[in-house]
Amino acid sequence: MGFFEDMGDFIMVSGEKIGKKAKELGATAKYQGNIKSEEIKIKQLYYKLGKEYYLNCKDVSDPTVQDTIDDLNECNKKIAENRKKIEEEKEKIKKETL
């Protein structure tokens, strides 16, 4: 019977350890979720701040950010061109199917 008693003690101790670990992981998961949520908010606020700054300063020459403003202007230009091409393609397909 010594074997079964030892096995029972082992299972009981292991169960307690697993329970403690699960409780620990549950508590830390909550905090990790809170951290992730705040990091997402920060990214959204950086985006909002950057967009507002760009809209307010895109026509003002500020040498410290001019390269970035130029890059954004170029991206916006390419987006507008591609949107125009999409509309042209849609019109072309409409005409072909009629």
Protein backbone atom coordinates (compact mmCIF):
# COMPACT_ATOMS: atom_id res chain seq x y z
CA MET A 1 0.00 0.00 0.00
CA GLY A 2 2.99 2.33 0.34
CA PHE A 3 3.06 2.86 -3.40
CA PHE A 4 -0.57 3.94 -3.59
CA GLU A 5 -0.21 6.25 -0.60
CA ASP A 6 2.87 7.83 -2.19
CA MET A 7 0.99 8.15 -5.47
CA GLY A 8 -1.96 9.77 -3.70
CA ASP A 9 0.31 12.25 -1.93
CA PHE A 10 2.05 13.03 -5.23
CA ILE A 11 -1.27 13.65 -6.97
CA MET A 12 -2.51 15.85 -4.14
CA VAL A 13 0.68 17.95 -4.06
CA SER A 14 0.71 18.19 -7.85
CA GLY A 15 -2.92 19.28 -7.87
CA GLU A 16 -2.19 22.01 -5.35
CA LYS A 17 0.76 23.24 -7.40
CA ILE A 18 -1.33 23.25 -10.57
CA GLY A 19 -4.10 25.15 -8.79
CA LYS A 20 -1.67 27.79 -7.55
CA LYS A 21 -0.11 28.14 -10.98
CA ALA A 22 -3.52 28.48 -12.66
CA LYS A 23 -4.52 31.17 -10.17
CA GLU A 24 -1.22 32.97 -10.77
CA LEU A 25 -1.63 32.80 -14.55
CA GLY A 26 -5.22 34.03 -14.30
CA ALA A 27 -4.18 37.06 -12.30
CA THR A 28 -1.30 37.95 -14.60
CA ALA A 29 -3.43 37.41 -17.72
CA LYS A 30 -5.80 40.13 -16.50
CA TYR A 31 -2.93 42.57 -16.09
CA GLN A 32 -1.39 41.59 -19.43
CA GLY A 33 -4.77 42.24 -21.06
CA ASN A 34 -4.91 45.66 -19.40
CA ILE A 35 -1.41 46.45 -20.67
CA LYS A 36 -2.32 45.41 -24.21
CA SER A 37 -5.46 47.54 -24.09
CA GLU A 38 -3.47 50.60 -23.02
CA GLU A 39 -0.84 49.97 -25.72
CA ILE A 40 -3.61 49.93 -28.33
CA LYS A 41 -4.97 53.22 -26.96
CA ILE A 42 -1.47 54.73 -27.14
CA LYS A 43 -1.10 53.70 -30.79
CA GLN A 44 -4.50 55.23 -31.59
CA LEU A 45 -3.57 58.45 -29.81
CA TYR A 46 -0.22 58.64 -31.61
CA TYR A 47 -2.06 58.17 -34.89
CA LYS A 48 -4.61 60.87 -33.99
CA LEU A 49 -1.90 63.27 -32.82
CA GLY A 50 0.19 62.65 -35.91
CA LYS A 51 -2.76 63.11 -38.24
CA GLU A 52 -3.80 66.35 -36.54
CA TYR A 53 -0.23 67.63 -36.65
CA TYR A 54 0.04 66.73 -40.32
CA LEU A 55 -3.24 68.43 -41.20
CA ASN A 56 -2.20 71.57 -39.31
CA CYS A 57 1.38 71.69 -40.60
CA LYS A 58 1.35 70.16 -44.08
CA ASP A 59 1.55 73.58 -45.72
CA VAL A 60 4.04 75.03 -43.22
CA SER A 61 7.71 74.44 -43.78
CA ASP A 62 9.15 72.78 -40.67
CA PRO A 63 12.56 71.33 -41.51
CA THR A 64 12.45 68.83 -38.66
CA VAL A 65 9.46 66.99 -40.16
CA GLN A 66 9.49 68.08 -43.78
CA ASP A 67 10.72 64.73 -45.11
CA THR A 68 7.88 62.92 -43.34
CA ILE A 69 5.32 65.46 -44.59
CA ASP A 70 6.65 65.04 -48.12
CA ASP A 71 6.36 61.25 -47.78
CA LEU A 72 2.78 61.56 -46.51
CA ASN A 73 1.88 63.91 -49.35
CA GLU A 74 3.31 61.43 -51.85
CA CYS A 75 1.37 58.55 -50.25
CA ASN A 76 -1.85 60.56 -50.37
CA LYS A 77 -1.19 61.39 -54.01
CA LYS A 78 -0.68 57.71 -54.87
CA ILE A 79 -3.84 56.74 -52.98
CA ALA A 80 -5.84 59.32 -54.93
CA GLU A 81 -4.38 58.06 -58.21
CA ASN A 82 -5.20 54.45 -57.37
CA ARG A 83 -8.75 55.33 -56.32
CA LYS A 84 -9.19 57.10 -59.64
CA LYS A 85 -7.87 54.02 -61.48
CA ILE A 86 -10.31 51.81 -59.55
CA GLU A 87 -13.21 54.00 -60.63
CA GLU A 88 -11.95 53.97 -64.23
CA GLU A 89 -11.74 50.17 -64.16
CA LYS A 90 -15.25 49.90 -62.74
CA GLU A 91 -16.57 52.14 -65.50
CA LYS A 92 -14.67 50.16 -68.12
CA ILE A 93 -16.13 46.87 -66.85
CA LYS A 94 -19.64 48.38 -66.78
CA LYS A 95 -19.32 49.49 -70.41
CA GLU A 96 -17.99 46.08 -71.47
CA THR A 97 -20.83 44.16 -69.81
CA LEU A 98 -23.58 46.30 -71.34
